[in-house]
């Protein structure tokens, strides 16, 4: 449920926590085997809530899942997007209409990392420095001096650029590097502050959507929203966990 101003209160978060505690990580579909990664693994018999907490507390991009009966057996790598896909498809969560009708502005933006941007005329090295030093998932690329959103460079994009020999020079202009990626219209997904939490969950559940750049009606950038951001919204703060 939401508070009087539409914000998510501890009660709403508590309902989500209890629902996640009743589910096991093995309930996720599409579990497949992979080679052991050497990371500490959660068990597929752990609750989904426990998996969410590990992802959040350790700021993990993925969480290895193993079989409790065999510590060396890696069954799957859990990513935050899979949790959101589970939520979007779950009847139990659909029934919590009040919880998911809260706005992005009220529920999600307070959990976003501090917004960092880079001008389109910057170098690839400039953008990589921000991604690395600030540990942000993506950096919006803006036009100067208007500040309007031009493109976005995400960690996923960096991995793709690393595989391309024509973009392995960090001194290259960022906008030149971005041209070698898939069209901007497919990579740059936006939302507005008044969008609902439900709509954001459904969009980020799509594995092709790495992040949403929140832009208000005036064109001002408000934040970058990822699946991990939404999990932080749904889980209680440390003192209430």
C-alpha atoms as a PDB file:
ATOM      1  CA  UNK A   1       0.000   0.000   0.000  1.00  0.00           C
ATOM      2  CA  UNK A   2       1.079   3.590  -0.430  1.00  0.00           C
ATOM      3  CA  UNK A   3       1.279   6.391   2.097  1.00  0.00           C
ATOM      4  CA  UNK A   4      -0.929   9.469   2.026  1.00  0.00           C
ATOM      5  CA  UNK A   5       1.302  11.166  -0.557  1.00  0.00           C
ATOM      6  CA  UNK A   6       1.503   8.106  -2.789  1.00  0.00           C
ATOM      7  CA  UNK A   7       4.890   7.053  -1.436  1.00  0.00           C
ATOM      8  CA  UNK A   8       5.597   3.434  -0.635  1.00  0.00           C
ATOM      9  CA  UNK A   9       5.550   2.862   3.138  1.00  0.00           C
ATOM     10  CA  UNK A  10       7.104   0.058   5.169  1.00  0.00           C
ATOM     11  CA  UNK A  11       3.796  -1.831   5.049  1.00  0.00           C
ATOM     12  CA  UNK A  12       3.872  -2.018   1.263  1.00  0.00           C
ATOM     13  CA  UNK A  13       7.473  -3.104   1.272  1.00  0.00           C
ATOM     14  CA  UNK A  14       6.646  -5.657   3.945  1.00  0.00           C
ATOM     15  CA  UNK A  15       3.964  -7.264   1.752  1.00  0.00           C
ATOM     16  CA  UNK A  16       6.496  -7.593  -1.041  1.00  0.00           C
ATOM     17  CA  UNK A  17       9.073  -9.056   1.340  1.00  0.00           C
ATOM     18  CA  UNK A  18       6.631 -11.673   2.627  1.00  0.00           C
ATOM     19  CA  UNK A  19       5.601 -12.652  -0.895  1.00  0.00           C
ATOM     20  CA  UNK A  20       9.246 -13.055  -1.932  1.00  0.00           C
ATOM     21  CA  UNK A  21       9.969 -15.087   1.203  1.00  0.00           C
ATOM     22  CA  UNK A  22       7.228 -17.565   0.239  1.00  0.00           C
ATOM     23  CA  UNK A  23       8.828 -18.185  -3.161  1.00  0.00           C
ATOM     24  CA  UNK A  24      11.939 -20.209  -3.854  1.00  0.00           C
ATOM     25  CA  UNK A  25      14.582 -19.293  -6.404  1.00  0.00           C
ATOM     26  CA  UNK A  26      13.932 -22.592  -8.153  1.00  0.00           C
ATOM     27  CA  UNK A  27      10.488 -21.186  -9.075  1.00  0.00           C
ATOM     28  CA  UNK A  28      12.170 -19.063 -11.748  1.00  0.00           C
ATOM     29  CA  UNK A  29      11.797 -20.575 -15.187  1.00  0.00           C
ATOM     30  CA  UNK A  30      14.605 -21.217 -17.636  1.00  0.00           C
ATOM     31  CA  UNK A  31      17.253 -22.424 -15.161  1.00  0.00           C
ATOM     32  CA  UNK A  32      20.195 -23.741 -17.138  1.00  0.00           C
ATOM     33  CA  UNK A  33      23.595 -25.134 -16.311  1.00  0.00           C
ATOM     34  CA  UNK A  34      26.809 -23.221 -16.713  1.00  0.00           C
ATOM     35  CA  UNK A  35      30.422 -23.680 -15.694  1.00  0.00           C
ATOM     36  CA  UNK A  36      31.372 -22.922 -12.065  1.00  0.00           C
ATOM     37  CA  UNK A  37      32.387 -19.299 -11.710  1.00  0.00           C
ATOM     38  CA  UNK A  38      34.178 -19.377  -8.372  1.00  0.00           C
ATOM     39  CA  UNK A  39      31.701 -16.952  -6.750  1.00  0.00           C
ATOM     40  CA  UNK A  40      29.889 -17.731  -3.511  1.00  0.00           C
ATOM     41  CA  UNK A  41      26.571 -19.242  -4.549  1.00  0.00           C
ATOM     42  CA  UNK A  42      23.056 -19.035  -3.205  1.00  0.00           C
ATOM     43  CA  UNK A  43      20.957 -22.185  -3.307  1.00  0.00           C
ATOM     44  CA  UNK A  44      17.941 -22.593  -5.560  1.00  0.00           C
ATOM     45  CA  UNK A  45      16.133 -23.640  -2.387  1.00  0.00           C
ATOM     46  CA  UNK A  46      16.731 -20.236  -0.791  1.00  0.00           C
ATOM     47  CA  UNK A  47      13.842 -17.797  -0.866  1.00  0.00           C
ATOM     48  CA  UNK A  48      13.663 -15.322  -3.691  1.00  0.00           C
ATOM     49  CA  UNK A  49      13.787 -12.612  -1.049  1.00  0.00           C
ATOM     50  CA  UNK A  50      17.177 -13.912   0.113  1.00  0.00           C
ATOM     51  CA  UNK A  51      18.430 -13.764  -3.467  1.00  0.00           C
ATOM     52  CA  UNK A  52      17.159 -10.204  -3.805  1.00  0.00           C
ATOM     53  CA  UNK A  53      18.935  -9.176  -0.606  1.00  0.00           C
ATOM     54  CA  UNK A  54      22.244 -10.625  -1.804  1.00  0.00           C
ATOM     55  CA  UNK A  55      21.949  -8.808  -5.120  1.00  0.00           C
ATOM     56  CA  UNK A  56      21.201  -5.550  -3.327  1.00  0.00           C
ATOM     57  CA  UNK A  57      23.616  -5.763  -0.400  1.00  0.00           C
ATOM     58  CA  UNK A  58      26.602  -6.760  -2.522  1.00  0.00           C
ATOM     59  CA  UNK A  59      25.631  -4.647  -5.547  1.00  0.00           C
ATOM     60  CA  UNK A  60      25.920  -7.714  -7.745  1.00  0.00           C
ATOM     61  CA  UNK A  61      25.180  -7.763 -11.461  1.00  0.00           C
ATOM     62  CA  UNK A  62      24.394 -11.457 -11.145  1.00  0.00           C
ATOM     63  CA  UNK A  63      24.129 -14.051  -8.383  1.00  0.00           C
ATOM     64  CA  UNK A  64      25.323 -17.653  -8.959  1.00  0.00           C
ATOM     65  CA  UNK A  65      22.713 -20.230  -7.934  1.00  0.00           C
ATOM     66  CA  UNK A  66      23.700 -23.763  -6.973  1.00  0.00           C
ATOM     67  CA  UNK A  67      22.219 -26.964  -5.646  1.00  0.00           C
ATOM     68  CA  UNK A  68      22.278 -27.230  -1.846  1.00  0.00           C
ATOM     69  CA  UNK A  69      23.251 -30.895  -2.124  1.00  0.00           C
ATOM     70  CA  UNK A  70      26.314 -30.144  -4.264  1.00  0.00           C
ATOM     71  CA  UNK A  71      28.303 -27.020  -3.436  1.00  0.00           C
ATOM     72  CA  UNK A  72      30.200 -27.133  -6.733  1.00  0.00           C
ATOM     73  CA  UNK A  73      27.116 -27.370  -8.941  1.00  0.00           C
ATOM     74  CA  UNK A  74      26.271 -24.089 -10.652  1.00  0.00           C
ATOM     75  CA  UNK A  75      22.773 -24.191 -12.073  1.00  0.00           C
ATOM     76  CA  UNK A  76      22.084 -20.623 -13.065  1.00  0.00           C
ATOM     77  CA  UNK A  77      23.126 -16.982 -12.832  1.00  0.00           C
ATOM     78  CA  UNK A  78      20.349 -14.873 -11.367  1.00  0.00           C
ATOM     79  CA  UNK A  79      20.079 -11.310 -12.657  1.00  0.00           C
ATOM     80  CA  UNK A  80      17.737  -8.581 -11.353  1.00  0.00           C
ATOM     81  CA  UNK A  81      15.789  -8.526 -14.625  1.00  0.00           C
ATOM     82  CA  UNK A  82      14.628 -12.087 -13.965  1.00  0.00           C
ATOM     83  CA  UNK A  83      13.165 -11.056 -10.626  1.00  0.00           C
ATOM     84  CA  UNK A  84      11.218  -8.283 -12.353  1.00  0.00           C
ATOM     85  CA  UNK A  85      10.011 -10.694 -15.049  1.00  0.00           C
ATOM     86  CA  UNK A  86       8.769 -12.981 -12.277  1.00  0.00           C
ATOM     87  CA  UNK A  87       6.950 -10.083 -10.629  1.00  0.00           C
ATOM     88  CA  UNK A  88       5.368  -8.961 -13.908  1.00  0.00           C
ATOM     89  CA  UNK A  89       4.010 -12.469 -14.551  1.00  0.00           C
ATOM     90  CA  UNK A  90       2.919 -13.273 -10.997  1.00  0.00           C
ATOM     91  CA  UNK A  91      -0.793 -13.110 -10.101  1.00  0.00           C
ATOM     92  CA  UNK A  92       0.123 -12.629  -6.450  1.00  0.00           C
ATOM     93  CA  UNK A  93       1.950  -9.415  -7.210  1.00  0.00           C
ATOM     94  CA  UNK A  94      -0.644  -8.199  -9.703  1.00  0.00           C
ATOM     95  CA  UNK A  95      -3.148  -8.165  -6.873  1.00  0.00           C
ATOM     96  CA  UNK A  96      -1.114  -5.520  -5.055  1.00  0.00           C
ATOM     97  CA  UNK A  97      -2.399  -2.758  -7.301  1.00  0.00           C
ATOM     98  CA  UNK A  98      -1.868   0.017  -4.760  1.00  0.00           C
ATOM     99  CA  UNK A  99       1.781  -0.916  -4.306  1.00  0.00           C
ATOM    100  CA  UNK A 100       2.607  -0.872  -8.017  1.00  0.00           C
ATOM    101  CA  UNK A 101       0.539   2.190  -8.945  1.00  0.00           C
ATOM    102  CA  UNK A 102       2.910   4.590  -7.168  1.00  0.00           C
ATOM    103  CA  UNK A 103       4.837   6.909  -9.440  1.00  0.00           C
ATOM    104  CA  UNK A 104       8.457   6.665 -10.505  1.00  0.00           C
ATOM    105  CA  UNK A 105       9.010  10.062  -8.930  1.00  0.00           C
ATOM    106  CA  UNK A 106       7.790   8.918  -5.515  1.00  0.00           C
ATOM    107  CA  UNK A 107       9.010   5.342  -5.408  1.00  0.00           C
ATOM    108  CA  UNK A 108      12.011   4.883  -7.683  1.00  0.00           C
ATOM    109  CA  UNK A 109      13.946   8.115  -8.211  1.00  0.00           C
ATOM    110  CA  UNK A 110      14.920   8.402  -4.505  1.00  0.00           C
ATOM    111  CA  UNK A 111      16.795   5.095  -4.930  1.00  0.00           C
ATOM    112  CA  UNK A 112      18.686   6.099  -8.075  1.00  0.00           C
ATOM    113  CA  UNK A 113      22.396   6.782  -7.916  1.00  0.00           C
ATOM    114  CA  UNK A 114      23.499  10.368  -8.377  1.00  0.00           C
ATOM    115  CA  UNK A 115      23.053  11.280 -12.022  1.00  0.00           C
ATOM    116  CA  UNK A 116      26.266  11.658 -13.999  1.00  0.00           C
ATOM    117  CA  UNK A 117      26.291  12.757 -17.628  1.00  0.00           C
ATOM    118  CA  UNK A 118      28.895  13.220 -20.339  1.00  0.00           C
ATOM    119  CA  UNK A 119      28.798  15.574 -23.373  1.00  0.00           C
ATOM    120  CA  UNK A 120      28.631  13.970 -26.805  1.00  0.00           C
ATOM    121  CA  UNK A 121      31.940  15.612 -27.784  1.00  0.00           C
ATOM    122  CA  UNK A 122      33.760  13.917 -24.898  1.00  0.00           C
ATOM    123  CA  UNK A 123      36.090  11.001 -25.529  1.00  0.00           C
ATOM    124  CA  UNK A 124      35.360   7.358 -24.875  1.00  0.00           C
ATOM    125  CA  UNK A 125      37.943   7.513 -22.092  1.00  0.00           C
ATOM    126  CA  UNK A 126      35.961  10.288 -20.361  1.00  0.00           C
ATOM    127  CA  UNK A 127      32.819   8.148 -20.307  1.00  0.00           C
ATOM    128  CA  UNK A 128      34.663   5.003 -19.224  1.00  0.00           C
ATOM    129  CA  UNK A 129      36.221   6.936 -16.352  1.00  0.00           C
ATOM    130  CA  UNK A 130      32.776   7.903 -15.034  1.00  0.00           C
ATOM    131  CA  UNK A 131      31.390   4.373 -15.384  1.00  0.00           C
ATOM    132  CA  UNK A 132      34.373   2.948 -13.518  1.00  0.00           C
ATOM    133  CA  UNK A 133      34.946   5.571 -10.833  1.00  0.00           C
ATOM    134  CA  UNK A 134      31.285   6.137  -9.977  1.00  0.00           C
ATOM    135  CA  UNK A 135      30.168   2.523 -10.473  1.00  0.00           C
ATOM    136  CA  UNK A 136      27.100   3.671 -12.358  1.00  0.00           C
ATOM    137  CA  UNK A 137      25.330   1.301 -14.773  1.00  0.00           C
ATOM    138  CA  UNK A 138      25.011   3.859 -17.553  1.00  0.00           C
ATOM    139  CA  UNK A 139      25.953   7.413 -18.429  1.00  0.00           C
ATOM    140  CA  UNK A 140      23.524   9.581 -20.397  1.00  0.00           C
ATOM    141  CA  UNK A 141      25.221  11.395 -23.269  1.00  0.00           C
ATOM    142  CA  UNK A 142      23.951  14.952 -23.650  1.00  0.00           C
ATOM    143  CA  UNK A 143      24.046  17.778 -26.139  1.00  0.00           C
ATOM    144  CA  UNK A 144      25.888  20.847 -24.928  1.00  0.00           C
ATOM    145  CA  UNK A 145      24.926  23.417 -23.842  1.00  0.00           C
ATOM    146  CA  UNK A 146      21.233  22.441 -23.959  1.00  0.00           C
ATOM    147  CA  UNK A 147      21.651  19.390 -21.763  1.00  0.00           C
ATOM    148  CA  UNK A 148      19.170  17.449 -23.905  1.00  0.00           C
ATOM    149  CA  UNK A 149      19.500  13.675 -24.013  1.00  0.00           C
ATOM    150  CA  UNK A 150      21.454  12.587 -27.100  1.00  0.00           C
ATOM    151  CA  UNK A 151      22.348   8.957 -26.348  1.00  0.00           C
ATOM    152  CA  UNK A 152      23.427   6.700 -23.506  1.00  0.00           C
ATOM    153  CA  UNK A 153      26.491   4.560 -22.840  1.00  0.00           C
ATOM    154  CA  UNK A 154      25.872   1.538 -20.616  1.00  0.00           C
ATOM    155  CA  UNK A 155      28.090  -1.215 -19.278  1.00  0.00           C
ATOM    156  CA  UNK A 156      26.455  -3.490 -21.844  1.00  0.00           C
ATOM    157  CA  UNK A 157      27.491  -1.095 -24.621  1.00  0.00           C
ATOM    158  CA  UNK A 158      31.068  -1.042 -23.329  1.00  0.00           C
ATOM    159  CA  UNK A 159      31.281  -4.825 -23.636  1.00  0.00           C
ATOM    160  CA  UNK A 160      30.077  -4.594 -27.227  1.00  0.00           C
ATOM    161  CA  UNK A 161      32.557  -1.818 -28.040  1.00  0.00           C
ATOM    162  CA  UNK A 162      35.392  -3.859 -26.536  1.00  0.00           C
ATOM    163  CA  UNK A 163      34.751  -6.555 -29.124  1.00  0.00           C
ATOM    164  CA  UNK A 164      35.063  -4.105 -32.013  1.00  0.00           C
ATOM    165  CA  UNK A 165      38.562  -3.380 -33.321  1.00  0.00           C
ATOM    166  CA  UNK A 166      37.499  -0.045 -34.800  1.00  0.00           C
ATOM    167  CA  UNK A 167      36.526   1.332 -31.383  1.00  0.00           C
ATOM    168  CA  UNK A 168      39.443   0.197 -29.238  1.00  0.00           C
ATOM    169  CA  UNK A 169      41.027   3.649 -29.045  1.00  0.00           C
ATOM    170  CA  UNK A 170      39.922   5.417 -25.809  1.00  0.00           C
ATOM    171  CA  UNK A 171      40.777   8.797 -27.343  1.00  0.00           C
ATOM    172  CA  UNK A 172      38.018   8.440 -29.939  1.00  0.00           C
ATOM    173  CA  UNK A 173      35.088  10.818 -29.734  1.00  0.00           C
ATOM    174  CA  UNK A 174      32.248   9.233 -27.830  1.00  0.00           C
ATOM    175  CA  UNK A 175      29.656  10.061 -30.485  1.00  0.00           C
ATOM    176  CA  UNK A 176      31.780   8.301 -33.114  1.00  0.00           C
ATOM    177  CA  UNK A 177      31.946   5.174 -30.967  1.00  0.00           C
ATOM    178  CA  UNK A 178      28.202   5.203 -30.398  1.00  0.00           C
ATOM    179  CA  UNK A 179      27.562   5.085 -34.151  1.00  0.00           C
ATOM    180  CA  UNK A 180      28.982   1.559 -34.245  1.00  0.00           C
ATOM    181  CA  UNK A 181      26.303   0.305 -31.849  1.00  0.00           C
ATOM    182  CA  UNK A 182      22.711  -0.597 -32.655  1.00  0.00           C
ATOM    183  CA  UNK A 183      20.527   2.447 -33.503  1.00  0.00           C
ATOM    184  CA  UNK A 184      19.963   4.900 -30.668  1.00  0.00           C
ATOM    185  CA  UNK A 185      16.188   4.480 -30.852  1.00  0.00           C
ATOM    186  CA  UNK A 186      16.563   0.845 -29.778  1.00  0.00           C
ATOM    187  CA  UNK A 187      19.125   1.432 -27.026  1.00  0.00           C
ATOM    188  CA  UNK A 188      17.869   4.655 -25.464  1.00  0.00           C
ATOM    189  CA  UNK A 189      14.694   3.904 -23.529  1.00  0.00           C
ATOM    190  CA  UNK A 190      13.104   6.705 -21.512  1.00  0.00           C
ATOM    191  CA  UNK A 191      10.338   7.150 -18.982  1.00  0.00           C
ATOM    192  CA  UNK A 192       8.799  10.125 -17.208  1.00  0.00           C
ATOM    193  CA  UNK A 193       8.467  10.781 -13.450  1.00  0.00           C
ATOM    194  CA  UNK A 194       4.695  10.231 -13.501  1.00  0.00           C
ATOM    195  CA  UNK A 195       4.968   6.723 -14.961  1.00  0.00           C
ATOM    196  CA  UNK A 196       3.886   3.968 -12.576  1.00  0.00           C
ATOM    197  CA  UNK A 197       6.173   1.494 -10.869  1.00  0.00           C
ATOM    198  CA  UNK A 198       4.213  -1.271 -12.603  1.00  0.00           C
ATOM    199  CA  UNK A 199       5.003   0.083 -16.072  1.00  0.00           C
ATOM    200  CA  UNK A 200       8.707   0.376 -15.222  1.00  0.00           C
ATOM    201  CA  UNK A 201       8.808  -3.214 -13.914  1.00  0.00           C
ATOM    202  CA  UNK A 202       7.227  -4.527 -17.116  1.00  0.00           C
ATOM    203  CA  UNK A 203       9.646  -2.618 -19.331  1.00  0.00           C
ATOM    204  CA  UNK A 204      12.781  -3.554 -17.398  1.00  0.00           C
ATOM    205  CA  UNK A 205      11.677  -7.202 -17.348  1.00  0.00           C
ATOM    206  CA  UNK A 206      12.529  -7.186 -21.066  1.00  0.00           C
ATOM    207  CA  UNK A 207      16.149  -8.407 -21.331  1.00  0.00           C
ATOM    208  CA  UNK A 208      16.698  -6.037 -24.243  1.00  0.00           C
ATOM    209  CA  UNK A 209      16.072  -3.004 -22.000  1.00  0.00           C
ATOM    210  CA  UNK A 210      19.189  -2.392 -19.896  1.00  0.00           C
ATOM    211  CA  UNK A 211      17.976   0.825 -18.285  1.00  0.00           C
ATOM    212  CA  UNK A 212      15.435   3.638 -18.503  1.00  0.00           C
ATOM    213  CA  UNK A 213      16.544   7.256 -18.545  1.00  0.00           C
ATOM    214  CA  UNK A 214      13.947   9.307 -16.676  1.00  0.00           C
ATOM    215  CA  UNK A 215      13.286  12.641 -18.374  1.00  0.00           C
ATOM    216  CA  UNK A 216      10.680  15.139 -17.210  1.00  0.00           C
ATOM    217  CA  UNK A 217       8.304  17.109 -19.436  1.00  0.00           C
ATOM    218  CA  UNK A 218      10.815  19.954 -19.718  1.00  0.00           C
ATOM    219  CA  UNK A 219      13.462  17.590 -21.053  1.00  0.00           C
ATOM    220  CA  UNK A 220      15.497  17.621 -17.844  1.00  0.00           C
ATOM    221  CA  UNK A 221      17.225  14.356 -16.969  1.00  0.00           C
ATOM    222  CA  UNK A 222      16.120  13.011 -13.576  1.00  0.00           C
ATOM    223  CA  UNK A 223      17.964   9.714 -13.228  1.00  0.00           C
ATOM    224  CA  UNK A 224      18.875   6.336 -14.685  1.00  0.00           C
ATOM    225  CA  UNK A 225      16.625   3.465 -13.588  1.00  0.00           C
ATOM    226  CA  UNK A 226      17.761  -0.160 -13.747  1.00  0.00           C
ATOM    227  CA  UNK A 227      16.300  -3.444 -12.552  1.00  0.00           C
ATOM    228  CA  UNK A 228      18.586  -3.178  -9.515  1.00  0.00           C
ATOM    229  CA  UNK A 229      17.116   0.247  -8.734  1.00  0.00           C
ATOM    230  CA  UNK A 230      13.618  -1.208  -8.742  1.00  0.00           C
ATOM    231  CA  UNK A 231      14.668  -4.044  -6.435  1.00  0.00           C
ATOM    232  CA  UNK A 232      15.982  -1.431  -3.995  1.00  0.00           C
ATOM    233  CA  UNK A 233      12.559   0.218  -4.181  1.00  0.00           C
ATOM    234  CA  UNK A 234      10.713  -3.000  -3.364  1.00  0.00           C
ATOM    235  CA  UNK A 235      12.981  -4.222  -0.572  1.00  0.00           C
ATOM    236  CA  UNK A 236      12.863  -2.648   2.883  1.00  0.00           C
ATOM    237  CA  UNK A 237      15.744  -0.416   3.996  1.00  0.00           C
ATOM    238  CA  UNK A 238      18.458  -2.151   6.090  1.00  0.00           C
ATOM    239  CA  UNK A 239      17.028  -1.087   9.434  1.00  0.00           C
ATOM    240  CA  UNK A 240      13.613  -2.490   8.528  1.00  0.00           C
ATOM    241  CA  UNK A 241      14.856  -5.630   6.754  1.00  0.00           C
END
